[in-house]
């Protein structure tokens, strides 16, 4: 298994980044590098979170949609409703965050179909050497506020942990090119998305801090595993380390209440 894992990691690390941006998002470069430096993990895909305006939304053919606007930071309502634009984002070249902010002057005026405004939170997929490693990462993720995280084991033995959250946002703004909502409502949506982005950044920082603490403690104190009983004991200790006070899931209660209030506001205005 170790030989196969090392081969998979080598292949993944040598691949060209085929994402639209062509590089790891700046806000998660540290946590991605930290995970990839570990002998037990490597990342297969990631996104720090983004706010987008997409025309021609299709879950099946998402790659064929028209990306009117995309940012990995907070945005302004003028980015969405401004009637002026220069160059569309992701124009076939790999660009960094600084260049993106210059290119992204988008608007609903360019929408010719069904356009939706979205916030998508941080997502990270990590391949793990052993099931115990995946369980440790999953515990850290859940206790850091990423309640939608999970694990899968493939037919070839690949163990993947997905770090995901639930505080998404998706609202249709146009239908067949016709704007459905007022400018004031778009401004409200942008404010909600920015609040979600701030919470997203807080959860990412919490995840990184807790992961460093859990992995450091594991490296310092984990004994050699010699039998099944010892293996079970190691897993129990890992779960305790992942649930240290500063990483306790009760820190997410306030965030959950805020998300609920924001969603309630959306329902009232729709």
Protein backbone atom coordinates (compact mmCIF):
# COMPACT_ATOMS: atom_id res chain seq x y z
CA UNK A 1 0.00 0.00 0.00
CA UNK A 2 2.84 2.40 0.86
CA UNK A 3 4.46 1.89 -2.55
CA UNK A 4 1.15 2.53 -4.34
CA UNK A 5 0.46 5.62 -2.25
CA UNK A 6 3.88 7.06 -3.02
CA UNK A 7 3.35 6.37 -6.72
CA UNK A 8 -0.07 8.06 -6.67
CA UNK A 9 1.38 11.07 -4.84
CA UNK A 10 4.26 11.40 -7.29
CA UNK A 11 1.90 11.25 -10.27
CA UNK A 12 -0.48 13.81 -8.79
CA UNK A 13 2.26 16.25 -7.80
CA UNK A 14 3.78 16.12 -11.31
CA UNK A 15 0.51 16.84 -13.14
CA UNK A 16 -0.22 20.18 -14.77
CA UNK A 17 -2.89 22.24 -12.98
CA UNK A 18 -5.86 22.08 -15.38
CA UNK A 19 -8.11 24.42 -13.40
CA UNK A 20 -9.30 27.64 -15.06
CA UNK A 21 -7.00 29.68 -12.85
CA UNK A 22 -4.04 27.35 -13.28
CA UNK A 23 -2.69 27.61 -9.73
CA UNK A 24 -3.56 27.11 -6.06
CA UNK A 25 -5.55 29.98 -4.55
CA UNK A 26 -3.33 32.30 -2.55
CA UNK A 27 -5.42 32.15 0.63
CA UNK A 28 -4.96 28.37 0.95
CA UNK A 29 -1.43 28.00 -0.43
CA UNK A 30 -0.02 27.51 3.09
CA UNK A 31 -2.42 24.74 4.11
CA UNK A 32 -2.04 22.99 0.73
CA UNK A 33 1.76 23.09 1.03
CA UNK A 34 1.59 21.85 4.63
CA UNK A 35 -0.56 18.87 3.65
CA UNK A 36 1.57 18.00 0.63
CA UNK A 37 4.73 18.11 2.75
CA UNK A 38 3.30 15.35 4.95
CA UNK A 39 4.21 11.77 4.13
CA UNK A 40 0.62 10.65 4.80
CA UNK A 41 -1.33 13.08 2.61
CA UNK A 42 -1.51 14.96 -0.68
CA UNK A 43 -4.15 17.26 -2.13
CA UNK A 44 -5.98 16.37 -5.34
CA UNK A 45 -8.10 19.53 -5.75
CA UNK A 46 -8.88 22.70 -3.84
CA UNK A 47 -10.66 26.06 -3.88
CA UNK A 48 -10.46 28.75 -1.22
CA UNK A 49 -14.06 29.79 -1.86
CA UNK A 50 -15.48 32.10 -4.51
CA UNK A 51 -18.26 34.47 -5.48
CA UNK A 52 -19.43 34.00 -9.06
CA UNK A 53 -21.94 35.21 -11.60
CA UNK A 54 -22.54 32.47 -14.17
CA UNK A 55 -24.70 32.61 -17.28
CA UNK A 56 -26.21 29.43 -18.68
CA UNK A 57 -26.03 27.47 -15.43
CA UNK A 58 -25.92 23.72 -15.98
CA UNK A 59 -24.71 21.17 -13.46
CA UNK A 60 -24.03 18.72 -16.31
CA UNK A 61 -22.17 21.08 -18.64
CA UNK A 62 -20.75 23.60 -16.18
CA UNK A 63 -17.58 24.00 -18.23
CA UNK A 64 -19.62 25.43 -21.12
CA UNK A 65 -21.20 28.17 -19.00
CA UNK A 66 -20.28 31.83 -19.44
CA UNK A 67 -18.40 33.01 -16.36
CA UNK A 68 -19.44 36.66 -16.15
CA UNK A 69 -17.69 37.31 -12.85
CA UNK A 70 -15.54 35.37 -10.39
CA UNK A 71 -13.52 36.40 -7.36
CA UNK A 72 -11.92 34.58 -4.43
CA UNK A 73 -12.30 37.67 -2.24
CA UNK A 74 -15.21 39.87 -1.19
CA UNK A 75 -16.84 41.92 -3.93
CA UNK A 76 -19.02 44.99 -4.51
CA UNK A 77 -22.47 45.25 -6.04
CA UNK A 78 -20.96 47.30 -8.89
CA UNK A 79 -19.01 44.18 -9.93
CA UNK A 80 -22.33 42.47 -10.62
CA UNK A 81 -24.59 45.21 -11.96
CA UNK A 82 -22.10 47.55 -13.65
CA UNK A 83 -22.93 47.95 -17.36
CA UNK A 84 -19.27 48.29 -18.30
CA UNK A 85 -16.62 45.66 -18.79
CA UNK A 86 -13.18 45.20 -20.27
CA UNK A 87 -12.00 41.61 -20.44
CA UNK A 88 -13.86 38.55 -19.22
CA UNK A 89 -12.23 36.49 -16.44
CA UNK A 90 -10.45 33.28 -17.37
CA UNK A 91 -9.87 34.31 -20.99
CA UNK A 92 -7.84 31.22 -21.72
CA UNK A 93 -4.70 32.29 -19.83
CA UNK A 94 -3.53 31.35 -16.35
CA UNK A 95 -3.70 34.51 -14.21
CA UNK A 96 -3.06 35.30 -10.55
CA UNK A 97 -5.36 36.93 -8.00
CA UNK A 98 -3.93 40.42 -8.63
CA UNK A 99 -4.54 40.16 -12.37
CA UNK A 100 -7.99 38.72 -11.83
CA UNK A 101 -9.14 41.78 -9.89
CA UNK A 102 -8.23 43.92 -12.91
CA UNK A 103 -9.92 41.67 -15.42
CA UNK A 104 -13.14 41.19 -13.50
CA UNK A 105 -15.41 44.05 -14.47
CA UNK A 106 -18.55 42.06 -15.22
CA UNK A 107 -22.30 42.73 -15.20
CA UNK A 108 -25.74 41.28 -15.61
CA UNK A 109 -25.99 43.29 -18.82
CA UNK A 110 -23.87 40.60 -20.47
CA UNK A 111 -26.19 37.76 -19.46
CA UNK A 112 -28.04 36.26 -22.40
CA UNK A 113 -29.64 33.30 -20.65
CA UNK A 114 -30.30 32.17 -17.08
CA UNK A 115 -27.66 33.77 -14.85
CA UNK A 116 -27.14 32.89 -11.19
CA UNK A 117 -25.23 34.61 -8.42
CA UNK A 118 -23.33 32.16 -6.22
CA UNK A 119 -21.14 31.86 -3.18
CA UNK A 120 -19.22 28.59 -2.96
CA UNK A 121 -17.18 27.95 0.23
CA UNK A 122 -13.75 26.42 0.70
CA UNK A 123 -13.39 22.85 -0.56
CA UNK A 124 -10.39 20.54 -0.31
CA UNK A 125 -9.90 16.95 -1.46
CA UNK A 126 -7.03 15.05 0.14
CA UNK A 127 -5.81 11.54 -0.59
CA UNK A 128 -4.65 9.77 2.58
CA UNK A 129 -2.18 6.95 3.11
CA UNK A 130 -4.28 5.03 5.65
CA UNK A 131 -7.84 5.07 6.90
CA UNK A 132 -6.59 6.31 10.27
CA UNK A 133 -5.00 9.34 8.57
CA UNK A 134 -8.29 10.08 6.81
CA UNK A 135 -10.20 9.81 10.09
CA UNK A 136 -7.86 12.31 11.75
CA UNK A 137 -8.27 14.80 8.91
CA UNK A 138 -12.04 14.33 8.91
CA UNK A 139 -12.27 14.96 12.67
CA UNK A 140 -10.25 18.17 12.34
CA UNK A 141 -12.44 19.34 9.44
CA UNK A 142 -15.75 18.72 11.22
CA UNK A 143 -14.57 20.35 14.45
CA UNK A 144 -13.38 23.38 12.48
CA UNK A 145 -16.84 24.03 11.09
CA UNK A 146 -16.76 22.00 7.87
CA UNK A 147 -19.76 19.87 8.77
CA UNK A 148 -20.32 18.46 5.27
CA UNK A 149 -16.93 16.71 5.16
CA UNK A 150 -16.69 13.02 4.36
CA UNK A 151 -14.49 10.09 3.35
CA UNK A 152 -14.54 7.64 0.45
CA UNK A 153 -12.56 4.50 -0.35
CA UNK A 154 -12.20 3.65 -4.04
CA UNK A 155 -11.99 0.23 -5.68
CA UNK A 156 -8.22 0.57 -6.05
CA UNK A 157 -7.84 1.44 -2.39
CA UNK A 158 -7.59 5.21 -2.78
CA UNK A 159 -8.75 6.92 0.43
CA UNK A 160 -10.06 10.44 -0.10
CA UNK A 161 -11.18 12.93 2.54
CA UNK A 162 -13.32 15.82 1.29
CA UNK A 163 -13.32 18.96 3.45
CA UNK A 164 -16.58 20.79 2.71
CA UNK A 165 -18.98 23.24 4.28
CA UNK A 166 -22.70 23.88 3.91
CA UNK A 167 -22.96 27.70 3.93
CA UNK A 168 -23.46 28.05 0.19
CA UNK A 169 -25.59 30.59 -1.67
CA UNK A 170 -27.19 30.36 -5.13
CA UNK A 171 -29.81 32.79 -6.43
CA UNK A 172 -31.08 33.13 -10.04
CA UNK A 173 -30.90 36.73 -11.28
CA UNK A 174 -31.95 36.52 -14.94
CA UNK A 175 -34.15 34.35 -17.14
CA UNK A 176 -33.58 34.34 -20.89
CA UNK A 177 -31.51 37.49 -20.50
CA UNK A 178 -34.15 39.42 -18.54
CA UNK A 179 -33.20 40.63 -15.05
CA UNK A 180 -35.59 39.26 -12.42
CA UNK A 181 -34.58 41.30 -9.38
CA UNK A 182 -33.90 44.91 -8.46
CA UNK A 183 -30.50 46.50 -7.99
CA UNK A 184 -31.22 46.84 -4.26
CA UNK A 185 -31.77 43.11 -4.02
CA UNK A 186 -28.50 42.43 -5.85
CA UNK A 187 -26.74 44.71 -3.33
CA UNK A 188 -28.31 42.72 -0.50
CA UNK A 189 -27.11 39.45 -2.04
CA UNK A 190 -23.59 40.81 -2.38
CA UNK A 191 -23.63 41.79 1.32
CA UNK A 192 -24.78 38.27 2.28
CA UNK A 193 -22.11 36.67 0.09
CA UNK A 194 -19.40 38.88 1.62
CA UNK A 195 -20.48 37.88 5.13
CA UNK A 196 -20.30 34.24 4.10
CA UNK A 197 -16.83 34.82 2.63
CA UNK A 198 -15.63 36.32 5.92
CA UNK A 199 -16.95 33.30 7.81
CA UNK A 200 -15.30 31.08 5.20
CA UNK A 201 -11.91 32.69 5.90
CA UNK A 202 -12.38 32.21 9.66
CA UNK A 203 -13.14 28.51 9.22
CA UNK A 204 -10.15 28.04 6.91
CA UNK A 205 -7.79 29.60 9.46
CA UNK A 206 -9.29 27.46 12.24
CA UNK A 207 -8.89 24.33 10.10
CA UNK A 208 -5.23 25.11 9.36
CA UNK A 209 -4.40 25.83 13.01
CA UNK A 210 -6.16 22.70 14.27
CA UNK A 211 -4.59 20.50 11.58
CA UNK A 212 -1.11 21.72 12.49
CA UNK A 213 -1.74 21.02 16.18
CA UNK A 214 -3.20 17.54 15.55
CA UNK A 215 -0.45 16.44 13.15
CA UNK A 216 2.33 17.83 15.33
CA UNK A 217 0.97 16.02 18.38
CA UNK A 218 0.67 12.82 16.37
CA UNK A 219 4.27 12.97 15.16
CA UNK A 220 5.55 13.68 18.66
CA UNK A 221 3.60 11.02 20.56
CA UNK A 222 2.45 8.31 18.18
CA UNK A 223 4.13 4.93 18.94
CA UNK A 224 4.86 2.20 16.46
CA UNK A 225 1.73 0.21 15.68
CA UNK A 226 2.34 -3.47 16.29
CA UNK A 227 -1.13 -5.03 16.50
CA UNK A 228 -4.83 -4.32 15.97
CA UNK A 229 -5.34 -3.25 19.57
CA UNK A 230 -2.55 -0.70 19.37
CA UNK A 231 -3.97 0.58 16.07
CA UNK A 232 -7.34 1.20 17.71
CA UNK A 233 -5.67 3.01 20.60
CA UNK A 234 -3.82 5.31 18.19
CA UNK A 235 -7.09 6.24 16.46
CA UNK A 236 -8.78 7.07 19.79
CA UNK A 237 -5.88 9.32 20.75
CA UNK A 238 -6.01 11.04 17.35
CA UNK A 239 -9.68 11.86 17.80
CA UNK A 240 -8.95 13.41 21.19
CA UNK A 241 -6.14 15.50 19.67
CA UNK A 242 -8.41 16.66 16.86
CA UNK A 243 -10.97 17.82 19.44
CA UNK A 244 -8.68 20.11 21.43
CA UNK A 245 -10.44 23.07 23.15
CA UNK A 246 -9.38 25.66 20.55
CA UNK A 247 -10.80 23.46 17.79
CA UNK A 248 -14.01 22.53 19.58
CA UNK A 249 -17.03 22.46 17.34
CA UNK A 250 -19.00 24.71 19.68
CA UNK A 251 -17.10 27.61 18.08
CA UNK A 252 -19.21 27.04 14.99
CA UNK A 253 -22.53 27.56 16.79
CA UNK A 254 -22.45 31.32 16.29
CA UNK A 255 -21.61 30.87 12.62
CA UNK A 256 -24.51 28.47 12.18
CA UNK A 257 -26.87 30.95 13.79
CA UNK A 258 -25.57 33.72 11.53
CA UNK A 259 -26.05 31.55 8.45
CA UNK A 260 -29.58 30.70 9.55
CA UNK A 261 -30.41 34.35 10.01
CA UNK A 262 -29.00 35.21 6.60
CA UNK A 263 -30.96 32.48 4.91
CA UNK A 264 -34.13 33.62 6.71
CA UNK A 265 -33.54 37.09 5.36
CA UNK A 266 -33.31 35.70 1.85
CA UNK A 267 -36.62 33.86 2.19
CA UNK A 268 -38.35 36.97 3.45
CA UNK A 269 -37.14 39.08 0.55
CA UNK A 270 -37.83 36.54 -2.20
